[in-house]
Amino acid sequence: MAERSTKPYLIRAIHEWCADSGFTPYLSVKVDGNTRVPVEFVQNGEIVLNLSYDATHKLTITNDLVQFSARFGGVSRECSIPMSAVAGIFARENGQGLFFTAETEVGASGAASQSAPAAGEPEGPPPTSPTRPKLQIVK
């Protein structure tokens, strides 16, 4: 049996903690072809969304998707974010939350599909670290 990801459980937990503490949960998303968000608000391939109950309608966080409808510029829009696109969830007021590393393809054995260089072969350039999401205050 395939091992379940902890990511959706952690997202639900941080969202609940924010709601119980009176904080505003924000979701950081790396937008890709499977992500349905208003593209006019995407900057540098990322978008940060207010996930509070006041800002969303019909919010559901399943093991595969985060789905809700929200108003953007006064127009109601449906959003659908696959778990693989979620970069993090945090409280707007204090920045506490969780950020996730980029997901890699998982092979049939359950291990990340990477091949180690053979002895004597050069390793090549070190992998670049993913950039952290940047927040910008909009007045």
N, C-alpha and C. Protein backbone atom coordinates (compact mmCIF):
# COMPACT_ATOMS: atom_id res chain seq x y z
N MET A 1 0.85 -1.17 0.00
CA MET A 1 0.00 0.00 0.00
C MET A 1 0.89 1.23 0.00
N ALA A 2 0.52 2.22 -0.80
CA ALA A 2 1.30 3.45 -0.91
C ALA A 2 1.17 4.27 0.37
N GLU A 3 2.26 4.88 0.75
CA GLU A 3 2.27 5.71 1.95
C GLU A 3 1.57 7.04 1.64
N ARG A 4 0.71 7.49 2.55
CA ARG A 4 0.00 8.75 2.38
C ARG A 4 0.89 9.92 2.76
N SER A 5 0.73 11.00 2.02
CA SER A 5 1.48 12.22 2.30
C SER A 5 0.92 12.89 3.55
N THR A 6 1.80 13.47 4.35
CA THR A 6 1.36 14.21 5.54
C THR A 6 0.95 15.64 5.19
N LYS A 7 1.27 16.09 4.00
CA LYS A 7 1.04 17.48 3.60
C LYS A 7 -0.41 17.94 3.78
N PRO A 8 -1.43 17.22 3.28
CA PRO A 8 -2.79 17.72 3.45
C PRO A 8 -3.22 17.76 4.92
N TYR A 9 -2.73 16.84 5.72
CA TYR A 9 -3.07 16.82 7.14
C TYR A 9 -2.46 18.03 7.85
N LEU A 10 -1.22 18.35 7.49
CA LEU A 10 -0.55 19.51 8.09
C LEU A 10 -1.22 20.81 7.66
N ILE A 11 -1.64 20.89 6.40
CA ILE A 11 -2.33 22.09 5.92
C ILE A 11 -3.64 22.28 6.67
N ARG A 12 -4.41 21.19 6.85
CA ARG A 12 -5.67 21.30 7.61
C ARG A 12 -5.40 21.71 9.05
N ALA A 13 -4.34 21.18 9.65
CA ALA A 13 -4.02 21.50 11.04
C ALA A 13 -3.63 22.97 11.21
N ILE A 14 -2.78 23.49 10.34
CA ILE A 14 -2.38 24.90 10.43
C ILE A 14 -3.58 25.80 10.15
N HIS A 15 -4.42 25.42 9.21
CA HIS A 15 -5.63 26.20 8.92
C HIS A 15 -6.53 26.26 10.15
N GLU A 16 -6.73 25.13 10.81
CA GLU A 16 -7.57 25.09 12.01
C GLU A 16 -6.93 25.90 13.14
N TRP A 17 -5.61 25.80 13.31
CA TRP A 17 -4.91 26.57 14.33
C TRP A 17 -5.08 28.07 14.10
N CYS A 18 -4.96 28.50 12.84
CA CYS A 18 -5.15 29.92 12.52
C CYS A 18 -6.57 30.36 12.87
N ALA A 19 -7.55 29.58 12.49
CA ALA A 19 -8.95 29.94 12.77
C ALA A 19 -9.21 30.00 14.27
N ASP A 20 -8.71 29.03 15.02
CA ASP A 20 -8.90 29.01 16.47
C ASP A 20 -8.19 30.16 17.17
N SER A 21 -7.07 30.61 16.61
CA SER A 21 -6.27 31.67 17.23
C SER A 21 -6.66 33.06 16.77
N GLY A 22 -7.61 33.16 15.85
CA GLY A 22 -8.02 34.46 15.35
C GLY A 22 -7.08 35.02 14.30
N PHE A 23 -6.26 34.16 13.69
CA PHE A 23 -5.32 34.59 12.65
C PHE A 23 -5.93 34.34 11.27
N THR A 24 -5.33 34.97 10.27
CA THR A 24 -5.77 34.80 8.88
C THR A 24 -4.84 33.82 8.19
N PRO A 25 -5.34 32.63 7.79
CA PRO A 25 -4.48 31.66 7.11
C PRO A 25 -4.26 32.06 5.65
N TYR A 26 -3.01 32.10 5.24
CA TYR A 26 -2.65 32.39 3.86
C TYR A 26 -2.01 31.15 3.25
N LEU A 27 -2.35 30.86 2.01
CA LEU A 27 -1.83 29.71 1.29
C LEU A 27 -0.91 30.20 0.18
N SER A 28 0.34 29.76 0.19
CA SER A 28 1.30 30.10 -0.85
C SER A 28 1.27 28.98 -1.89
N VAL A 29 1.09 29.34 -3.16
CA VAL A 29 0.89 28.36 -4.22
C VAL A 29 1.85 28.62 -5.38
N LYS A 30 2.51 27.55 -5.84
CA LYS A 30 3.30 27.59 -7.08
C LYS A 30 2.34 27.20 -8.21
N VAL A 31 2.02 28.14 -9.06
CA VAL A 31 1.01 27.92 -10.10
C VAL A 31 1.59 27.10 -11.24
N ASP A 32 0.84 26.05 -11.63
CA ASP A 32 1.21 25.23 -12.78
C ASP A 32 -0.04 24.99 -13.63
N GLY A 33 0.05 24.13 -14.59
CA GLY A 33 -1.06 23.87 -15.51
C GLY A 33 -2.28 23.25 -14.85
N ASN A 34 -2.11 22.61 -13.71
CA ASN A 34 -3.24 21.97 -13.02
C ASN A 34 -3.89 22.87 -11.97
N THR A 35 -3.34 24.06 -11.77
CA THR A 35 -3.82 24.97 -10.74
C THR A 35 -4.83 25.94 -11.35
N ARG A 36 -6.02 26.00 -10.75
CA ARG A 36 -7.06 26.93 -11.23
C ARG A 36 -7.18 28.08 -10.23
N VAL A 37 -6.55 29.21 -10.58
CA VAL A 37 -6.62 30.44 -9.81
C VAL A 37 -6.70 31.58 -10.82
N PRO A 38 -7.13 32.78 -10.39
CA PRO A 38 -7.17 33.90 -11.32
C PRO A 38 -5.75 34.27 -11.78
N VAL A 39 -5.45 34.06 -13.05
CA VAL A 39 -4.10 34.25 -13.56
C VAL A 39 -3.65 35.71 -13.51
N GLU A 40 -4.57 36.63 -13.48
CA GLU A 40 -4.19 38.04 -13.45
C GLU A 40 -3.57 38.45 -12.11
N PHE A 41 -3.69 37.60 -11.09
CA PHE A 41 -3.11 37.87 -9.78
C PHE A 41 -1.84 37.05 -9.52
N VAL A 42 -1.42 36.25 -10.49
CA VAL A 42 -0.22 35.44 -10.35
C VAL A 42 1.00 36.30 -10.66
N GLN A 43 2.00 36.24 -9.77
CA GLN A 43 3.24 36.98 -9.98
C GLN A 43 4.42 36.02 -9.86
N ASN A 44 5.26 35.99 -10.87
CA ASN A 44 6.43 35.12 -10.89
C ASN A 44 6.06 33.65 -10.67
N GLY A 45 4.93 33.22 -11.19
CA GLY A 45 4.52 31.83 -11.07
C GLY A 45 3.98 31.46 -9.71
N GLU A 46 3.72 32.45 -8.85
CA GLU A 46 3.22 32.20 -7.49
C GLU A 46 2.03 33.10 -7.19
N ILE A 47 1.21 32.63 -6.27
CA ILE A 47 0.10 33.43 -5.77
C ILE A 47 -0.08 33.10 -4.29
N VAL A 48 -0.45 34.10 -3.52
CA VAL A 48 -0.74 33.91 -2.09
C VAL A 48 -2.22 34.21 -1.90
N LEU A 49 -2.93 33.24 -1.33
CA LEU A 49 -4.39 33.33 -1.20
C LEU A 49 -4.82 33.37 0.26
N ASN A 50 -5.81 34.22 0.56
CA ASN A 50 -6.42 34.28 1.88
C ASN A 50 -7.35 33.08 1.98
N LEU A 51 -7.11 32.20 2.93
CA LEU A 51 -7.88 30.97 3.07
C LEU A 51 -8.83 31.02 4.27
N SER A 52 -9.11 32.21 4.79
CA SER A 52 -10.00 32.32 5.95
C SER A 52 -11.43 31.99 5.56
N TYR A 53 -12.23 31.62 6.55
CA TYR A 53 -13.63 31.30 6.29
C TYR A 53 -14.39 32.53 5.82
N ASP A 54 -13.97 33.73 6.23
CA ASP A 54 -14.63 34.96 5.79
C ASP A 54 -14.33 35.27 4.33
N ALA A 55 -13.17 34.86 3.83
CA ALA A 55 -12.77 35.18 2.46
C ALA A 55 -13.14 34.10 1.46
N THR A 56 -13.47 32.90 1.93
CA THR A 56 -13.77 31.79 1.02
C THR A 56 -15.20 31.30 1.22
N HIS A 57 -15.69 30.60 0.21
CA HIS A 57 -17.01 29.97 0.26
C HIS A 57 -16.83 28.53 -0.19
N LYS A 58 -17.43 27.60 0.53
CA LYS A 58 -17.34 26.17 0.23
C LYS A 58 -15.89 25.68 0.24
N LEU A 59 -15.12 26.09 1.24
CA LEU A 59 -13.72 25.66 1.35
C LEU A 59 -13.66 24.18 1.72
N THR A 60 -12.94 23.42 0.91
CA THR A 60 -12.69 22.02 1.22
C THR A 60 -11.20 21.74 1.02
N ILE A 61 -10.60 21.06 2.00
CA ILE A 61 -9.20 20.68 1.91
C ILE A 61 -9.16 19.17 1.99
N THR A 62 -9.06 18.53 0.82
CA THR A 62 -9.01 17.07 0.76
C THR A 62 -7.55 16.62 0.68
N ASN A 63 -7.33 15.34 0.57
CA ASN A 63 -5.96 14.82 0.46
C ASN A 63 -5.33 15.14 -0.89
N ASP A 64 -6.15 15.54 -1.88
CA ASP A 64 -5.64 15.82 -3.22
C ASP A 64 -5.73 17.28 -3.63
N LEU A 65 -6.74 18.01 -3.11
CA LEU A 65 -7.02 19.36 -3.59
C LEU A 65 -7.42 20.30 -2.46
N VAL A 66 -7.18 21.59 -2.70
CA VAL A 66 -7.78 22.66 -1.92
C VAL A 66 -8.72 23.36 -2.88
N GLN A 67 -10.02 23.36 -2.54
CA GLN A 67 -11.02 23.95 -3.43
C GLN A 67 -11.87 24.95 -2.66
N PHE A 68 -12.22 26.05 -3.33
CA PHE A 68 -13.09 27.06 -2.75
C PHE A 68 -13.48 28.06 -3.83
N SER A 69 -14.44 28.89 -3.51
CA SER A 69 -14.72 30.05 -4.37
C SER A 69 -14.48 31.29 -3.52
N ALA A 70 -14.02 32.34 -4.18
CA ALA A 70 -13.68 33.58 -3.48
C ALA A 70 -13.88 34.74 -4.45
N ARG A 71 -13.96 35.92 -3.89
CA ARG A 71 -14.09 37.12 -4.71
C ARG A 71 -12.72 37.73 -4.97
N PHE A 72 -12.46 37.99 -6.23
CA PHE A 72 -11.25 38.66 -6.67
C PHE A 72 -11.69 39.88 -7.46
N GLY A 73 -11.42 41.05 -6.92
CA GLY A 73 -11.86 42.28 -7.59
C GLY A 73 -13.37 42.35 -7.69
N GLY A 74 -14.07 41.78 -6.71
CA GLY A 74 -15.53 41.81 -6.69
C GLY A 74 -16.21 40.73 -7.50
N VAL A 75 -15.44 39.90 -8.20
CA VAL A 75 -16.01 38.84 -9.04
C VAL A 75 -15.73 37.50 -8.38
N SER A 76 -16.79 36.68 -8.21
CA SER A 76 -16.64 35.36 -7.61
C SER A 76 -15.94 34.43 -8.59
N ARG A 77 -14.89 33.74 -8.10
CA ARG A 77 -14.11 32.83 -8.93
C ARG A 77 -13.92 31.51 -8.19
N GLU A 78 -13.92 30.41 -8.94
CA GLU A 78 -13.67 29.09 -8.40
C GLU A 78 -12.17 28.83 -8.44
N CYS A 79 -11.63 28.31 -7.34
CA CYS A 79 -10.20 27.99 -7.27
C CYS A 79 -10.04 26.52 -6.94
N SER A 80 -9.06 25.90 -7.57
CA SER A 80 -8.74 24.49 -7.33
C SER A 80 -7.22 24.36 -7.36
N ILE A 81 -6.65 23.97 -6.22
CA ILE A 81 -5.20 23.90 -6.10
C ILE A 81 -4.81 22.47 -5.73
N PRO A 82 -4.06 21.78 -6.59
CA PRO A 82 -3.60 20.44 -6.22
C PRO A 82 -2.57 20.54 -5.09
N MET A 83 -2.50 19.52 -4.24
CA MET A 83 -1.56 19.52 -3.11
C MET A 83 -0.12 19.71 -3.56
N SER A 84 0.21 19.19 -4.73
CA SER A 84 1.58 19.32 -5.21
C SER A 84 1.96 20.77 -5.49
N ALA A 85 0.98 21.66 -5.69
CA ALA A 85 1.25 23.07 -5.97
C ALA A 85 1.35 23.92 -4.71
N VAL A 86 0.93 23.38 -3.57
CA VAL A 86 0.96 24.16 -2.32
C VAL A 86 2.40 24.27 -1.83
N ALA A 87 2.87 25.51 -1.69
CA ALA A 87 4.24 25.75 -1.22
C ALA A 87 4.27 25.98 0.29
N GLY A 88 3.15 26.43 0.86
CA GLY A 88 3.12 26.65 2.30
C GLY A 88 1.80 27.23 2.77
N ILE A 89 1.61 27.21 4.08
CA ILE A 89 0.45 27.81 4.73
C ILE A 89 0.97 28.49 5.99
N PHE A 90 0.50 29.72 6.21
CA PHE A 90 1.01 30.50 7.33
C PHE A 90 -0.02 31.53 7.79
N ALA A 91 0.17 32.06 8.99
CA ALA A 91 -0.69 33.10 9.53
C ALA A 91 -0.18 34.46 9.05
N ARG A 92 -1.07 35.27 8.51
CA ARG A 92 -0.69 36.59 8.02
C ARG A 92 -0.12 37.46 9.13
N GLU A 93 -0.69 37.36 10.32
CA GLU A 93 -0.35 38.27 11.41
C GLU A 93 1.05 38.05 11.98
N ASN A 94 1.52 36.81 12.03
CA ASN A 94 2.84 36.57 12.63
C ASN A 94 3.77 35.73 11.76
N GLY A 95 3.31 35.27 10.60
CA GLY A 95 4.16 34.51 9.68
C GLY A 95 4.41 33.08 10.09
N GLN A 96 3.83 32.64 11.22
CA GLN A 96 4.06 31.25 11.64
C GLN A 96 3.25 30.30 10.78
N GLY A 97 3.84 29.17 10.46
CA GLY A 97 3.17 28.17 9.65
C GLY A 97 4.18 27.17 9.13
N LEU A 98 3.88 26.58 7.99
CA LEU A 98 4.75 25.57 7.39
C LEU A 98 4.97 25.88 5.92
N PHE A 99 6.21 25.69 5.47
CA PHE A 99 6.53 25.76 4.06
C PHE A 99 7.09 24.41 3.66
N PHE A 100 6.71 23.96 2.49
CA PHE A 100 7.07 22.63 2.03
C PHE A 100 8.15 22.70 0.97
N THR A 101 8.98 21.66 0.91
CA THR A 101 10.00 21.58 -0.14
C THR A 101 9.33 21.13 -1.43
N ALA A 102 9.99 21.41 -2.53
CA ALA A 102 9.45 21.01 -3.83
C ALA A 102 9.34 19.50 -3.88
N GLU A 103 8.24 19.00 -4.42
CA GLU A 103 8.02 17.55 -4.49
C GLU A 103 8.75 16.98 -5.69
N THR A 104 9.27 15.77 -5.53
CA THR A 104 9.95 15.09 -6.63
C THR A 104 9.11 13.91 -7.08
N GLU A 105 9.39 13.44 -8.27
CA GLU A 105 8.70 12.26 -8.77
C GLU A 105 9.07 11.06 -7.92
N VAL A 106 8.11 10.23 -7.58
CA VAL A 106 8.37 9.04 -6.78
C VAL A 106 8.25 7.82 -7.68
N GLY A 107 9.29 7.00 -7.65
CA GLY A 107 9.30 5.80 -8.49
C GLY A 107 8.47 4.68 -7.89
N ALA A 108 8.45 3.54 -8.54
CA ALA A 108 7.65 2.40 -8.08
C ALA A 108 8.11 1.87 -6.73
N SER A 109 9.39 2.04 -6.43
CA SER A 109 9.88 1.52 -5.15
C SER A 109 9.57 2.46 -3.99
N GLY A 110 9.02 3.64 -4.29
CA GLY A 110 8.68 4.58 -3.23
C GLY A 110 9.81 5.54 -2.92
N ALA A 111 10.95 5.36 -3.57
CA ALA A 111 12.08 6.27 -3.35
C ALA A 111 12.11 7.27 -4.48
N ALA A 112 12.64 8.44 -4.19
CA ALA A 112 12.75 9.47 -5.22
C ALA A 112 13.63 8.93 -6.33
N SER A 113 13.23 9.17 -7.58
CA SER A 113 13.95 8.61 -8.71
C SER A 113 15.14 9.50 -9.05
N GLN A 114 16.27 9.21 -8.43
CA GLN A 114 17.51 9.90 -8.72
C GLN A 114 18.58 8.83 -8.84
N SER A 115 19.49 9.02 -9.79
CA SER A 115 20.57 8.06 -9.94
C SER A 115 21.85 8.67 -9.38
N ALA A 116 22.58 7.90 -8.61
CA ALA A 116 23.84 8.37 -8.05
C ALA A 116 24.92 8.20 -9.10
N PRO A 117 25.88 9.14 -9.16
CA PRO A 117 26.94 8.99 -10.14
C PRO A 117 27.84 7.82 -9.77
N ALA A 118 28.36 7.16 -10.79
CA ALA A 118 29.26 6.03 -10.55
C ALA A 118 30.58 6.53 -9.99
N ALA A 119 31.33 5.64 -9.34
CA ALA A 119 32.61 6.03 -8.75
C ALA A 119 33.53 6.56 -9.83
N GLY A 120 34.18 7.69 -9.56
CA GLY A 120 35.10 8.28 -10.51
C GLY A 120 34.46 9.28 -11.46
N GLU A 121 33.13 9.30 -11.55
CA GLU A 121 32.46 10.26 -12.41
C GLU A 121 32.25 11.57 -11.65
N PRO A 122 32.38 12.70 -12.33
CA PRO A 122 32.11 13.97 -11.65
C PRO A 122 30.62 14.09 -11.35
N GLU A 123 30.31 14.73 -10.23
CA GLU A 123 28.91 14.87 -9.82
C GLU A 123 28.17 15.92 -10.60
N GLY A 124 28.85 16.89 -11.17
CA GLY A 124 28.18 17.97 -11.88
C GLY A 124 27.87 19.09 -10.91
N PRO A 125 27.17 20.12 -11.37
CA PRO A 125 26.90 21.26 -10.50
C PRO A 125 25.94 20.88 -9.38
N PRO A 126 26.10 21.49 -8.20
CA PRO A 126 25.18 21.19 -7.11
C PRO A 126 23.78 21.68 -7.45
N PRO A 127 22.76 21.01 -6.95
CA PRO A 127 21.40 21.44 -7.25
C PRO A 127 21.13 22.80 -6.63
N THR A 128 20.35 23.59 -7.34
CA THR A 128 20.00 24.91 -6.82
C THR A 128 18.87 24.76 -5.82
N SER A 129 18.90 25.58 -4.79
CA SER A 129 17.84 25.51 -3.80
C SER A 129 16.64 26.31 -4.29
N PRO A 130 15.42 25.85 -3.98
CA PRO A 130 14.23 26.57 -4.43
C PRO A 130 14.14 27.91 -3.72
N THR A 131 13.61 28.88 -4.43
CA THR A 131 13.47 30.20 -3.82
C THR A 131 12.28 30.21 -2.88
N ARG A 132 12.41 30.95 -1.80
CA ARG A 132 11.31 31.07 -0.84
C ARG A 132 10.28 32.03 -1.39
N PRO A 133 9.02 31.79 -1.10
CA PRO A 133 7.99 32.74 -1.52
C PRO A 133 8.23 34.09 -0.87
N LYS A 134 7.94 35.13 -1.61
CA LYS A 134 8.11 36.48 -1.11
C LYS A 134 6.75 37.11 -0.91
N LEU A 135 6.58 37.77 0.21
CA LEU A 135 5.33 38.46 0.49
C LEU A 135 5.52 39.94 0.22
N GLN A 136 4.49 40.56 -0.31
CA GLN A 136 4.54 41.98 -0.59
C GLN A 136 3.30 42.61 0.00
N ILE A 137 3.47 43.68 0.75
CA ILE A 137 2.33 44.37 1.35
C ILE A 137 1.73 45.29 0.31
N VAL A 138 0.44 45.12 0.06
CA VAL A 138 -0.28 45.93 -0.91
C VAL A 138 -1.25 46.82 -0.15
N LYS A 139 -1.12 48.10 -0.36
CA LYS A 139 -1.99 49.05 0.36
C LYS A 139 -3.16 49.45 -0.49
